[in-house]
Amino acid sequence: MDFPAVRMRDRRSSEAARKKHREIPEVRANDLIMPLFIKEGISKRAEIKSMPGIYQFPVKDIAKEALKVYISGVGAVILFGIPLDKDKTGSSAYTRDGIVQKAIRAIKKKVPRLTVIGDVCLCEYTSHGHCGIINERKKGDVDNDLTIKALARVAVSYADAGVDIVAPSAMMDGQVKRIKEALVRNGYKKVKIMAYSAKYASSFYGPFRDAAESPPKFGDRRSYQMDYHNSDEAVMEARLDIKEGADSIMVKPALGYEDIIYRLRKAFKAPLACYSVSGEYAMIKAAALKGYLDERKVVTEMLTGFKRAGADSIITYYAMEAAGWLKNKKRI
């Protein structure tokens, strides 16, 4: 009887053997980024119905929550604001005392060493829920050039408040260039830009729109977010963002888009993030609460898949829980 010359099962025969032959580093808490929602007009945290365990926080509590994130070992937070006042142009997004600006100052005062990322978009701030300013002459169409001017104002206002990284997510052409120019012109050369380079028009965003209270009042976002049939386009978008001055690039969503993460990793040396979005979290959490699957094992496998595909950092609503598992020696 002929036996195989190479016995691949030897590589899997024990935990020690499996660890020896692992091809990528294990996920670390520092690789993870925790999204935080801050809402005006509330006095205590409010759980998001479609995302059990995730909350909207009042400004007065956000620094305390950020401290918990920092102590857990999670690498950064990314902030989303829900204002009381909304208008057609999303002007409250760039006021000095805006909801995110207040949160940045509070976090930086209490937890100065925590990396703070500010999501730069208008959808939470516009009365119509779109990511930019609507062209009045073309009903329903977002005016690209007016919007990038507003996004630059948002980014500078975050820099004024002390943010470390701005993350433009509106998918407007030229947004990175316009923001970079504005930051440099205002003396903020050290503020980094994390570009949502490949942000797809995805149905996985549903629960986020509950969390951020930002569903579009008409139409959809397919005229500016990417068609999920496309892959080459993601490479084109990332190349443009890097050329315009992005310090890092991102793929969103992550689950179902690991081929895009892999392609960008192979094409570019820039730091690469992925965003495991609200729908991904909600599906796993709902199934776990029903007892249909082992939550820790599934999340562990998913995060490792993102890392294997090439992501350096992962934005995930599981960041705090995963960090806790790591601390308890339940290694990812």
C-alpha atoms as a PDB file:
ATOM      1  CA  MET A   1       0.000   0.000   0.000  1.00  0.00           C
ATOM      2  CA  ASP A   2       1.364   3.422  -0.956  1.00  0.00           C
ATOM      3  CA  PHE A   3       1.234   6.083   1.759  1.00  0.00           C
ATOM      4  CA  PRO A   4       1.309   9.837   1.052  1.00  0.00           C
ATOM      5  CA  ALA A   5       4.822  11.274   1.200  1.00  0.00           C
ATOM      6  CA  VAL A   6       3.533  14.448   2.823  1.00  0.00           C
ATOM      7  CA  ARG A   7       1.145  14.057   5.735  1.00  0.00           C
ATOM      8  CA  MET A   8      -0.735  17.335   5.961  1.00  0.00           C
ATOM      9  CA  ARG A   9      -2.686  16.150   8.991  1.00  0.00           C
ATOM     10  CA  ASP A  10       0.518  16.338  11.030  1.00  0.00           C
ATOM     11  CA  ARG A  11       0.100  20.103  10.866  1.00  0.00           C
ATOM     12  CA  ARG A  12      -3.272  19.817  12.635  1.00  0.00           C
ATOM     13  CA  SER A  13      -2.619  16.996  15.073  1.00  0.00           C
ATOM     14  CA  SER A  14      -2.526  19.184  18.218  1.00  0.00           C
ATOM     15  CA  GLU A  15      -3.060  22.766  19.303  1.00  0.00           C
ATOM     16  CA  ALA A  16       0.708  23.250  19.451  1.00  0.00           C
ATOM     17  CA  ALA A  17       1.086  21.946  15.882  1.00  0.00           C
ATOM     18  CA  ARG A  18      -1.751  24.141  14.650  1.00  0.00           C
ATOM     19  CA  LYS A  19      -0.236  27.249  16.222  1.00  0.00           C
ATOM     20  CA  LYS A  20       3.182  26.407  14.765  1.00  0.00           C
ATOM     21  CA  HIS A  21       1.796  26.282  11.237  1.00  0.00           C
ATOM     22  CA  ARG A  22      -0.530  29.282  11.340  1.00  0.00           C
ATOM     23  CA  GLU A  23       0.074  31.537   8.369  1.00  0.00           C
ATOM     24  CA  ILE A  24      -1.135  34.848   9.804  1.00  0.00           C
ATOM     25  CA  PRO A  25      -0.818  36.477  13.240  1.00  0.00           C
ATOM     26  CA  GLU A  26      -3.726  36.101  15.617  1.00  0.00           C
ATOM     27  CA  VAL A  27      -6.156  38.985  15.850  1.00  0.00           C
ATOM     28  CA  ARG A  28      -5.246  41.353  18.700  1.00  0.00           C
ATOM     29  CA  ALA A  29      -7.456  43.741  20.627  1.00  0.00           C
ATOM     30  CA  ASN A  30      -5.324  46.590  19.260  1.00  0.00           C
ATOM     31  CA  ASP A  31      -6.380  45.619  15.717  1.00  0.00           C
ATOM     32  CA  LEU A  32     -10.010  46.415  16.543  1.00  0.00           C
ATOM     33  CA  ILE A  33     -11.888  49.723  16.338  1.00  0.00           C
ATOM     34  CA  MET A  34     -15.101  50.298  18.315  1.00  0.00           C
ATOM     35  CA  PRO A  35     -17.905  52.442  16.817  1.00  0.00           C
ATOM     36  CA  LEU A  36     -19.607  54.789  19.294  1.00  0.00           C
ATOM     37  CA  PHE A  37     -22.870  56.679  18.763  1.00  0.00           C
ATOM     38  CA  ILE A  38     -23.454  60.013  20.522  1.00  0.00           C
ATOM     39  CA  LYS A  39     -26.930  61.527  20.558  1.00  0.00           C
ATOM     40  CA  GLU A  40     -28.128  64.966  21.570  1.00  0.00           C
ATOM     41  CA  GLY A  41     -31.205  65.293  23.754  1.00  0.00           C
ATOM     42  CA  ILE A  42     -30.874  62.096  25.802  1.00  0.00           C
ATOM     43  CA  SER A  43     -29.818  61.863  29.457  1.00  0.00           C
ATOM     44  CA  LYS A  44     -28.856  58.188  29.603  1.00  0.00           C
ATOM     45  CA  ARG A  45     -27.701  55.543  27.165  1.00  0.00           C
ATOM     46  CA  ALA A  46     -30.355  54.026  24.915  1.00  0.00           C
ATOM     47  CA  GLU A  47     -30.029  50.514  23.506  1.00  0.00           C
ATOM     48  CA  ILE A  48     -30.452  50.195  19.742  1.00  0.00           C
ATOM     49  CA  LYS A  49     -33.294  47.754  19.179  1.00  0.00           C
ATOM     50  CA  SER A  50     -31.835  46.110  16.077  1.00  0.00           C
ATOM     51  CA  MET A  51     -28.348  45.876  17.650  1.00  0.00           C
ATOM     52  CA  PRO A  52     -28.650  44.357  21.154  1.00  0.00           C
ATOM     53  CA  GLY A  53     -25.766  45.425  23.356  1.00  0.00           C
ATOM     54  CA  ILE A  54     -24.982  48.563  21.317  1.00  0.00           C
ATOM     55  CA  TYR A  55     -26.092  51.973  22.580  1.00  0.00           C
ATOM     56  CA  GLN A  56     -26.540  55.632  21.777  1.00  0.00           C
ATOM     57  CA  PHE A  57     -24.781  57.690  24.462  1.00  0.00           C
ATOM     58  CA  PRO A  58     -25.310  61.221  25.731  1.00  0.00           C
ATOM     59  CA  VAL A  59     -22.239  63.449  25.520  1.00  0.00           C
ATOM     60  CA  LYS A  60     -21.863  63.429  29.302  1.00  0.00           C
ATOM     61  CA  ASP A  61     -21.247  59.665  29.289  1.00  0.00           C
ATOM     62  CA  ILE A  62     -19.117  59.246  26.185  1.00  0.00           C
ATOM     63  CA  ALA A  63     -15.726  59.839  27.806  1.00  0.00           C
ATOM     64  CA  LYS A  64     -16.486  57.204  30.448  1.00  0.00           C
ATOM     65  CA  GLU A  65     -17.394  54.723  27.722  1.00  0.00           C
ATOM     66  CA  ALA A  66     -14.252  55.601  25.778  1.00  0.00           C
ATOM     67  CA  LEU A  67     -12.186  54.921  28.877  1.00  0.00           C
ATOM     68  CA  LYS A  68     -13.678  51.419  29.034  1.00  0.00           C
ATOM     69  CA  VAL A  69     -12.688  50.916  25.412  1.00  0.00           C
ATOM     70  CA  TYR A  70      -9.140  52.059  26.129  1.00  0.00           C
ATOM     71  CA  ILE A  71      -8.774  49.857  29.205  1.00  0.00           C
ATOM     72  CA  SER A  72      -9.994  46.860  27.181  1.00  0.00           C
ATOM     73  CA  GLY A  73      -7.043  47.264  24.822  1.00  0.00           C
ATOM     74  CA  VAL A  74      -9.137  48.091  21.735  1.00  0.00           C
ATOM     75  CA  GLY A  75      -7.063  50.239  19.397  1.00  0.00           C
ATOM     76  CA  ALA A  76      -9.418  53.116  18.604  1.00  0.00           C
ATOM     77  CA  VAL A  77     -12.964  54.432  18.525  1.00  0.00           C
ATOM     78  CA  ILE A  78     -14.849  55.835  15.544  1.00  0.00           C
ATOM     79  CA  LEU A  79     -17.543  58.389  16.357  1.00  0.00           C
ATOM     80  CA  PHE A  80     -20.982  58.962  14.842  1.00  0.00           C
ATOM     81  CA  GLY A  81     -23.240  61.808  15.950  1.00  0.00           C
ATOM     82  CA  ILE A  82     -27.015  62.157  16.018  1.00  0.00           C
ATOM     83  CA  PRO A  83     -27.945  65.848  16.329  1.00  0.00           C
ATOM     84  CA  LEU A  84     -31.213  67.443  17.330  1.00  0.00           C
ATOM     85  CA  ASP A  85     -31.114  69.984  14.517  1.00  0.00           C
ATOM     86  CA  LYS A  86     -31.101  68.787  10.926  1.00  0.00           C
ATOM     87  CA  ASP A  87     -31.396  70.827   7.748  1.00  0.00           C
ATOM     88  CA  LYS A  88     -31.044  70.425   3.987  1.00  0.00           C
ATOM     89  CA  THR A  89     -27.297  71.027   4.017  1.00  0.00           C
ATOM     90  CA  GLY A  90     -26.325  69.213   7.230  1.00  0.00           C
ATOM     91  CA  SER A  91     -24.809  72.403   8.650  1.00  0.00           C
ATOM     92  CA  SER A  92     -24.793  71.133  12.250  1.00  0.00           C
ATOM     93  CA  ALA A  93     -22.111  68.632  11.207  1.00  0.00           C
ATOM     94  CA  TYR A  94     -19.410  71.322  11.236  1.00  0.00           C
ATOM     95  CA  THR A  95     -20.416  73.651  14.056  1.00  0.00           C
ATOM     96  CA  ARG A  96     -17.846  74.122  16.820  1.00  0.00           C
ATOM     97  CA  ASP A  97     -20.247  72.790  19.435  1.00  0.00           C
ATOM     98  CA  GLY A  98     -21.597  69.956  17.321  1.00  0.00           C
ATOM     99  CA  ILE A  99     -22.314  66.612  18.918  1.00  0.00           C
ATOM    100  CA  VAL A 100     -19.172  64.853  17.629  1.00  0.00           C
ATOM    101  CA  GLN A 101     -16.962  67.871  18.287  1.00  0.00           C
ATOM    102  CA  LYS A 102     -18.093  67.860  21.931  1.00  0.00           C
ATOM    103  CA  ALA A 103     -17.475  64.130  22.155  1.00  0.00           C
ATOM    104  CA  ILE A 104     -13.947  64.439  20.731  1.00  0.00           C
ATOM    105  CA  ARG A 105     -13.030  67.098  23.286  1.00  0.00           C
ATOM    106  CA  ALA A 106     -14.490  65.085  26.154  1.00  0.00           C
ATOM    107  CA  ILE A 107     -12.687  61.887  25.147  1.00  0.00           C
ATOM    108  CA  LYS A 108      -9.362  63.589  24.516  1.00  0.00           C
ATOM    109  CA  LYS A 109      -9.534  65.270  27.922  1.00  0.00           C
ATOM    110  CA  LYS A 110     -10.234  62.036  29.808  1.00  0.00           C
ATOM    111  CA  VAL A 111      -8.449  59.468  27.617  1.00  0.00           C
ATOM    112  CA  PRO A 112      -5.764  61.402  25.702  1.00  0.00           C
ATOM    113  CA  ARG A 113      -3.919  58.296  24.515  1.00  0.00           C
ATOM    114  CA  LEU A 114      -6.943  56.682  22.869  1.00  0.00           C
ATOM    115  CA  THR A 115      -6.985  57.079  19.080  1.00  0.00           C
ATOM    116  CA  VAL A 116     -10.152  58.917  18.060  1.00  0.00           C
ATOM    117  CA  ILE A 117     -11.532  58.692  14.531  1.00  0.00           C
ATOM    118  CA  GLY A 118     -14.303  60.979  13.333  1.00  0.00           C
ATOM    119  CA  ASP A 119     -16.599  59.696  10.594  1.00  0.00           C
ATOM    120  CA  VAL A 120     -16.998  62.535   8.076  1.00  0.00           C
ATOM    121  CA  CYS A 121     -20.382  62.433   6.385  1.00  0.00           C
ATOM    122  CA  LEU A 122     -23.617  64.421   6.304  1.00  0.00           C
ATOM    123  CA  CYS A 123     -26.277  61.699   6.395  1.00  0.00           C
ATOM    124  CA  GLU A 124     -26.947  61.978  10.137  1.00  0.00           C
ATOM    125  CA  TYR A 125     -27.212  65.766   9.841  1.00  0.00           C
ATOM    126  CA  THR A 126     -29.366  66.294   6.752  1.00  0.00           C
ATOM    127  CA  SER A 127     -33.141  66.443   6.977  1.00  0.00           C
ATOM    128  CA  HIS A 128     -33.381  64.192   3.899  1.00  0.00           C
ATOM    129  CA  GLY A 129     -30.887  61.571   5.130  1.00  0.00           C
ATOM    130  CA  HIS A 130     -28.574  61.592   2.138  1.00  0.00           C
ATOM    131  CA  CYS A 131     -24.791  61.799   2.493  1.00  0.00           C
ATOM    132  CA  GLY A 132     -24.527  65.161   0.772  1.00  0.00           C
ATOM    133  CA  ILE A 133     -26.249  68.352  -0.305  1.00  0.00           C
ATOM    134  CA  ILE A 134     -29.068  67.884  -2.809  1.00  0.00           C
ATOM    135  CA  ASN A 135     -28.837  69.733  -6.122  1.00  0.00           C
ATOM    136  CA  GLU A 136     -32.059  71.714  -6.233  1.00  0.00           C
ATOM    137  CA  ARG A 137     -32.045  71.713 -10.048  1.00  0.00           C
ATOM    138  CA  LYS A 138     -31.752  67.932 -10.227  1.00  0.00           C
ATOM    139  CA  LYS A 139     -34.280  66.533  -7.780  1.00  0.00           C
ATOM    140  CA  GLY A 140     -32.819  63.704  -5.766  1.00  0.00           C
ATOM    141  CA  ASP A 141     -29.251  64.083  -7.026  1.00  0.00           C
ATOM    142  CA  VAL A 142     -26.449  64.796  -4.554  1.00  0.00           C
ATOM    143  CA  ASP A 143     -24.286  67.744  -5.624  1.00  0.00           C
ATOM    144  CA  ASN A 144     -20.763  66.340  -5.484  1.00  0.00           C
ATOM    145  CA  ASP A 145     -18.781  69.594  -5.437  1.00  0.00           C
ATOM    146  CA  LEU A 146     -20.957  71.399  -2.900  1.00  0.00           C
ATOM    147  CA  THR A 147     -20.805  68.338  -0.677  1.00  0.00           C
ATOM    148  CA  ILE A 148     -17.013  68.019  -0.626  1.00  0.00           C
ATOM    149  CA  LYS A 149     -16.750  71.640   0.481  1.00  0.00           C
ATOM    150  CA  ALA A 150     -18.999  70.819   3.436  1.00  0.00           C
ATOM    151  CA  LEU A 151     -17.061  67.627   4.205  1.00  0.00           C
ATOM    152  CA  ALA A 152     -13.838  69.618   4.366  1.00  0.00           C
ATOM    153  CA  ARG A 153     -15.452  71.951   6.917  1.00  0.00           C
ATOM    154  CA  VAL A 154     -16.513  68.931   8.983  1.00  0.00           C
ATOM    155  CA  ALA A 155     -12.986  67.513   8.917  1.00  0.00           C
ATOM    156  CA  VAL A 156     -11.409  70.800  10.007  1.00  0.00           C
ATOM    157  CA  SER A 157     -13.948  71.189  12.816  1.00  0.00           C
ATOM    158  CA  TYR A 158     -13.001  67.712  14.066  1.00  0.00           C
ATOM    159  CA  ALA A 159      -9.326  68.628  13.867  1.00  0.00           C
ATOM    160  CA  ASP A 160     -10.053  71.784  15.877  1.00  0.00           C
ATOM    161  CA  ALA A 161     -11.588  69.545  18.545  1.00  0.00           C
ATOM    162  CA  GLY A 162      -8.506  67.289  18.675  1.00  0.00           C
ATOM    163  CA  VAL A 163      -9.369  64.280  16.508  1.00  0.00           C
ATOM    164  CA  ASP A 164      -6.541  61.975  15.423  1.00  0.00           C
ATOM    165  CA  ILE A 165      -8.042  60.635  12.198  1.00  0.00           C
ATOM    166  CA  VAL A 166     -10.865  61.788   9.932  1.00  0.00           C
ATOM    167  CA  ALA A 167     -12.722  59.174   7.902  1.00  0.00           C
ATOM    168  CA  PRO A 168     -14.666  60.547   4.929  1.00  0.00           C
ATOM    169  CA  SER A 169     -17.463  58.102   4.111  1.00  0.00           C
ATOM    170  CA  ALA A 170     -19.755  60.008   1.738  1.00  0.00           C
ATOM    171  CA  MET A 171     -18.214  58.461  -1.425  1.00  0.00           C
ATOM    172  CA  MET A 172     -18.002  61.815  -3.183  1.00  0.00           C
ATOM    173  CA  ASP A 173     -15.432  62.236  -5.950  1.00  0.00           C
ATOM    174  CA  GLY A 174     -12.453  64.279  -4.757  1.00  0.00           C
ATOM    175  CA  GLN A 175     -13.437  64.250  -1.081  1.00  0.00           C
ATOM    176  CA  VAL A 176     -10.021  63.108   0.138  1.00  0.00           C
ATOM    177  CA  LYS A 177      -8.165  65.768  -1.873  1.00  0.00           C
ATOM    178  CA  ARG A 178     -10.457  68.543  -0.668  1.00  0.00           C
ATOM    179  CA  ILE A 179     -10.167  67.424   2.966  1.00  0.00           C
ATOM    180  CA  LYS A 180      -6.387  67.045   2.757  1.00  0.00           C
ATOM    181  CA  GLU A 181      -6.015  70.545   1.356  1.00  0.00           C
ATOM    182  CA  ALA A 182      -8.270  72.000   4.060  1.00  0.00           C
ATOM    183  CA  LEU A 183      -6.407  70.238   6.872  1.00  0.00           C
ATOM    184  CA  VAL A 184      -3.005  71.400   5.613  1.00  0.00           C
ATOM    185  CA  ARG A 185      -4.243  74.939   5.027  1.00  0.00           C
ATOM    186  CA  ASN A 186      -5.524  75.117   8.612  1.00  0.00           C
ATOM    187  CA  GLY A 187      -2.336  73.749  10.165  1.00  0.00           C
ATOM    188  CA  TYR A 188      -3.434  70.142  10.743  1.00  0.00           C
ATOM    189  CA  LYS A 189      -0.822  68.236   8.756  1.00  0.00           C
ATOM    190  CA  LYS A 190      -0.632  65.534  11.438  1.00  0.00           C
ATOM    191  CA  VAL A 191      -4.323  64.635  11.278  1.00  0.00           C
ATOM    192  CA  LYS A 192      -4.596  61.440   9.251  1.00  0.00           C
ATOM    193  CA  ILE A 193      -7.216  60.493   6.666  1.00  0.00           C
ATOM    194  CA  MET A 194      -8.796  57.033   6.654  1.00  0.00           C
ATOM    195  CA  ALA A 195     -10.661  56.836   3.360  1.00  0.00           C
ATOM    196  CA  TYR A 196     -13.797  54.749   2.930  1.00  0.00           C
ATOM    197  CA  SER A 197     -12.384  53.856  -0.479  1.00  0.00           C
ATOM    198  CA  ALA A 198     -14.595  50.880  -1.329  1.00  0.00           C
ATOM    199  CA  LYS A 199     -17.952  51.541   0.309  1.00  0.00           C
ATOM    200  CA  TYR A 200     -20.653  49.501  -1.334  1.00  0.00           C
ATOM    201  CA  ALA A 201     -24.386  50.186  -1.566  1.00  0.00           C
ATOM    202  CA  SER A 202     -25.303  47.375   0.796  1.00  0.00           C
ATOM    203  CA  SER A 203     -28.422  46.076   2.490  1.00  0.00           C
ATOM    204  CA  PHE A 204     -26.227  45.105   5.444  1.00  0.00           C
ATOM    205  CA  TYR A 205     -26.367  48.735   6.659  1.00  0.00           C
ATOM    206  CA  GLY A 206     -29.976  48.506   7.830  1.00  0.00           C
ATOM    207  CA  PRO A 207     -29.454  48.460  11.612  1.00  0.00           C
ATOM    208  CA  PHE A 208     -26.912  51.305  11.381  1.00  0.00           C
ATOM    209  CA  ARG A 209     -29.620  53.555  10.017  1.00  0.00           C
ATOM    210  CA  ASP A 210     -31.587  52.828  13.196  1.00  0.00           C
ATOM    211  CA  ALA A 211     -28.502  53.619  15.280  1.00  0.00           C
ATOM    212  CA  ALA A 212     -27.569  56.801  13.435  1.00  0.00           C
ATOM    213  CA  GLU A 213     -31.178  57.757  12.607  1.00  0.00           C
ATOM    214  CA  SER A 214     -30.189  58.444   9.019  1.00  0.00           C
ATOM    215  CA  PRO A 215     -32.337  56.546   6.487  1.00  0.00           C
ATOM    216  CA  PRO A 216     -32.790  58.520   3.244  1.00  0.00           C
ATOM    217  CA  LYS A 217     -36.227  60.096   2.976  1.00  0.00           C
ATOM    218  CA  PHE A 218     -36.336  59.466  -0.778  1.00  0.00           C
ATOM    219  CA  GLY A 219     -34.446  57.348  -3.264  1.00  0.00           C
ATOM    220  CA  ASP A 220     -31.339  55.453  -2.219  1.00  0.00           C
ATOM    221  CA  ARG A 221     -27.552  55.854  -2.197  1.00  0.00           C
ATOM    222  CA  ARG A 222     -26.680  53.824  -5.264  1.00  0.00           C
ATOM    223  CA  SER A 223     -25.664  56.913  -7.271  1.00  0.00           C
ATOM    224  CA  TYR A 224     -22.655  57.423  -4.998  1.00  0.00           C
ATOM    225  CA  GLN A 225     -22.008  54.169  -3.118  1.00  0.00           C
ATOM    226  CA  MET A 226     -20.481  51.340  -5.142  1.00  0.00           C
ATOM    227  CA  ASP A 227     -22.335  48.630  -7.053  1.00  0.00           C
ATOM    228  CA  TYR A 228     -21.651  45.341  -5.268  1.00  0.00           C
ATOM    229  CA  HIS A 229     -21.134  43.565  -8.603  1.00  0.00           C
ATOM    230  CA  ASN A 230     -17.837  45.434  -9.087  1.00  0.00           C
ATOM    231  CA  SER A 231     -14.321  44.590  -7.982  1.00  0.00           C
ATOM    232  CA  ASP A 232     -11.963  46.438 -10.372  1.00  0.00           C
ATOM    233  CA  GLU A 233     -13.749  49.657  -9.431  1.00  0.00           C
ATOM    234  CA  ALA A 234     -12.660  49.219  -5.812  1.00  0.00           C
ATOM    235  CA  VAL A 235      -9.018  49.186  -6.905  1.00  0.00           C
ATOM    236  CA  MET A 236      -9.602  52.338  -8.947  1.00  0.00           C
ATOM    237  CA  GLU A 237     -11.270  54.107  -6.014  1.00  0.00           C
ATOM    238  CA  ALA A 238      -8.478  53.158  -3.596  1.00  0.00           C
ATOM    239  CA  ARG A 239      -5.785  54.269  -6.034  1.00  0.00           C
ATOM    240  CA  LEU A 240      -7.457  57.663  -6.407  1.00  0.00           C
ATOM    241  CA  ASP A 241      -7.790  58.087  -2.638  1.00  0.00           C
ATOM    242  CA  ILE A 242      -4.132  57.269  -2.031  1.00  0.00           C
ATOM    243  CA  LYS A 243      -3.103  59.680  -4.788  1.00  0.00           C
ATOM    244  CA  GLU A 244      -5.260  62.383  -3.180  1.00  0.00           C
ATOM    245  CA  GLY A 245      -3.546  61.953   0.185  1.00  0.00           C
ATOM    246  CA  ALA A 246      -5.295  59.184   2.110  1.00  0.00           C
ATOM    247  CA  ASP A 247      -3.126  57.674   4.840  1.00  0.00           C
ATOM    248  CA  SER A 248      -5.171  54.462   4.978  1.00  0.00           C
ATOM    249  CA  ILE A 249      -7.975  52.872   2.989  1.00  0.00           C
ATOM    250  CA  MET A 250     -11.063  50.862   3.904  1.00  0.00           C
ATOM    251  CA  VAL A 251     -13.487  48.260   2.589  1.00  0.00           C
ATOM    252  CA  LYS A 252     -17.114  48.367   3.767  1.00  0.00           C
ATOM    253  CA  PRO A 253     -18.897  45.988   4.379  1.00  0.00           C
ATOM    254  CA  ALA A 254     -16.415  43.265   5.311  1.00  0.00           C
ATOM    255  CA  LEU A 255     -18.390  40.006   5.347  1.00  0.00           C
ATOM    256  CA  GLY A 256     -19.018  39.020   1.745  1.00  0.00           C
ATOM    257  CA  TYR A 257     -16.317  41.428   0.567  1.00  0.00           C
ATOM    258  CA  GLU A 258     -13.176  39.583   1.624  1.00  0.00           C
ATOM    259  CA  ASP A 259     -12.196  39.279  -2.038  1.00  0.00           C
ATOM    260  CA  ILE A 260     -12.103  43.096  -2.149  1.00  0.00           C
ATOM    261  CA  ILE A 261      -9.977  43.245   1.007  1.00  0.00           C
ATOM    262  CA  TYR A 262      -7.618  40.717  -0.584  1.00  0.00           C
ATOM    263  CA  ARG A 263      -7.390  42.633  -3.859  1.00  0.00           C
ATOM    264  CA  LEU A 264      -6.601  45.928  -2.151  1.00  0.00           C
ATOM    265  CA  ARG A 265      -4.036  44.230   0.083  1.00  0.00           C
ATOM    266  CA  LYS A 266      -2.271  42.842  -2.995  1.00  0.00           C
ATOM    267  CA  ALA A 267      -2.483  46.117  -4.917  1.00  0.00           C
ATOM    268  CA  PHE A 268      -1.408  48.615  -2.248  1.00  0.00           C
ATOM    269  CA  LYS A 269       0.972  48.886   0.683  1.00  0.00           C
ATOM    270  CA  ALA A 270      -1.180  51.465   2.478  1.00  0.00           C
ATOM    271  CA  PRO A 271      -2.690  50.443   5.840  1.00  0.00           C
ATOM    272  CA  LEU A 272      -5.965  48.674   5.155  1.00  0.00           C
ATOM    273  CA  ALA A 273      -9.082  48.603   7.321  1.00  0.00           C
ATOM    274  CA  CYS A 274     -12.405  46.862   6.902  1.00  0.00           C
ATOM    275  CA  TYR A 275     -15.745  47.685   8.494  1.00  0.00           C
ATOM    276  CA  SER A 276     -17.774  44.742   9.782  1.00  0.00           C
ATOM    277  CA  VAL A 277     -21.087  46.524   9.603  1.00  0.00           C
ATOM    278  CA  SER A 278     -24.274  46.584  11.638  1.00  0.00           C
ATOM    279  CA  GLY A 279     -26.066  43.889   9.657  1.00  0.00           C
ATOM    280  CA  GLU A 280     -23.182  41.488  10.227  1.00  0.00           C
ATOM    281  CA  TYR A 281     -23.342  42.154  13.959  1.00  0.00           C
ATOM    282  CA  ALA A 282     -27.146  41.926  14.099  1.00  0.00           C
ATOM    283  CA  MET A 283     -27.286  38.562  12.306  1.00  0.00           C
ATOM    284  CA  ILE A 284     -24.744  36.919  14.574  1.00  0.00           C
ATOM    285  CA  LYS A 285     -26.120  38.478  17.760  1.00  0.00           C
ATOM    286  CA  ALA A 286     -29.690  37.445  16.935  1.00  0.00           C
ATOM    287  CA  ALA A 287     -28.656  33.869  16.163  1.00  0.00           C
ATOM    288  CA  ALA A 288     -26.535  33.716  19.315  1.00  0.00           C
ATOM    289  CA  LEU A 289     -29.387  34.958  21.488  1.00  0.00           C
ATOM    290  CA  LYS A 290     -31.554  32.189  20.014  1.00  0.00           C
ATOM    291  CA  GLY A 291     -28.858  29.640  20.790  1.00  0.00           C
ATOM    292  CA  TYR A 292     -28.425  28.770  17.126  1.00  0.00           C
ATOM    293  CA  LEU A 293     -24.649  29.217  17.108  1.00  0.00           C
ATOM    294  CA  ASP A 294     -21.628  29.751  19.360  1.00  0.00           C
ATOM    295  CA  GLU A 295     -21.156  33.512  19.290  1.00  0.00           C
ATOM    296  CA  ARG A 296     -17.521  33.613  20.384  1.00  0.00           C
ATOM    297  CA  LYS A 297     -16.430  30.940  17.923  1.00  0.00           C
ATOM    298  CA  VAL A 298     -18.295  32.502  15.002  1.00  0.00           C
ATOM    299  CA  VAL A 299     -16.978  36.008  15.691  1.00  0.00           C
ATOM    300  CA  THR A 300     -13.472  34.617  16.177  1.00  0.00           C
ATOM    301  CA  GLU A 301     -13.634  32.878  12.806  1.00  0.00           C
ATOM    302  CA  MET A 302     -15.069  35.936  11.074  1.00  0.00           C
ATOM    303  CA  LEU A 303     -12.469  38.369  12.422  1.00  0.00           C
ATOM    304  CA  THR A 304      -9.677  35.938  11.565  1.00  0.00           C
ATOM    305  CA  GLY A 305     -11.060  35.733   8.026  1.00  0.00           C
ATOM    306  CA  PHE A 306     -10.787  39.503   7.662  1.00  0.00           C
ATOM    307  CA  LYS A 307      -7.219  39.383   8.932  1.00  0.00           C
ATOM    308  CA  ARG A 308      -6.383  36.498   6.589  1.00  0.00           C
ATOM    309  CA  ALA A 309      -7.789  38.462   3.641  1.00  0.00           C
ATOM    310  CA  GLY A 310      -5.353  41.272   4.458  1.00  0.00           C
ATOM    311  CA  ALA A 311      -7.010  43.748   6.815  1.00  0.00           C
ATOM    312  CA  ASP A 312      -4.690  45.487   9.271  1.00  0.00           C
ATOM    313  CA  SER A 313      -7.529  46.861  11.383  1.00  0.00           C
ATOM    314  CA  ILE A 314     -11.179  45.923  11.784  1.00  0.00           C
ATOM    315  CA  ILE A 315     -14.039  48.214  12.727  1.00  0.00           C
ATOM    316  CA  THR A 316     -16.515  45.992  14.535  1.00  0.00           C
ATOM    317  CA  TYR A 317     -19.346  46.293  17.038  1.00  0.00           C
ATOM    318  CA  TYR A 318     -17.837  43.195  18.648  1.00  0.00           C
ATOM    319  CA  ALA A 319     -14.594  45.022  19.488  1.00  0.00           C
ATOM    320  CA  MET A 320     -15.226  45.234  23.239  1.00  0.00           C
ATOM    321  CA  GLU A 321     -16.491  41.662  23.544  1.00  0.00           C
ATOM    322  CA  ALA A 322     -13.625  40.274  21.480  1.00  0.00           C
ATOM    323  CA  ALA A 323     -11.121  42.203  23.591  1.00  0.00           C
ATOM    324  CA  GLY A 324     -12.668  40.630  26.684  1.00  0.00           C
ATOM    325  CA  TRP A 325     -12.303  37.158  25.226  1.00  0.00           C
ATOM    326  CA  LEU A 326      -8.637  37.871  24.557  1.00  0.00           C
ATOM    327  CA  LYS A 327      -8.074  39.034  28.106  1.00  0.00           C
ATOM    328  CA  ASN A 328      -9.691  35.846  29.388  1.00  0.00           C
ATOM    329  CA  LYS A 329      -7.128  33.803  27.441  1.00  0.00           C
ATOM    330  CA  LYS A 330      -9.731  32.627  24.938  1.00  0.00           C
ATOM    331  CA  ARG A 331      -7.451  33.394  22.064  1.00  0.00           C
ATOM    332  CA  ILE A 332      -8.681  34.523  18.694  1.00  0.00           C
END
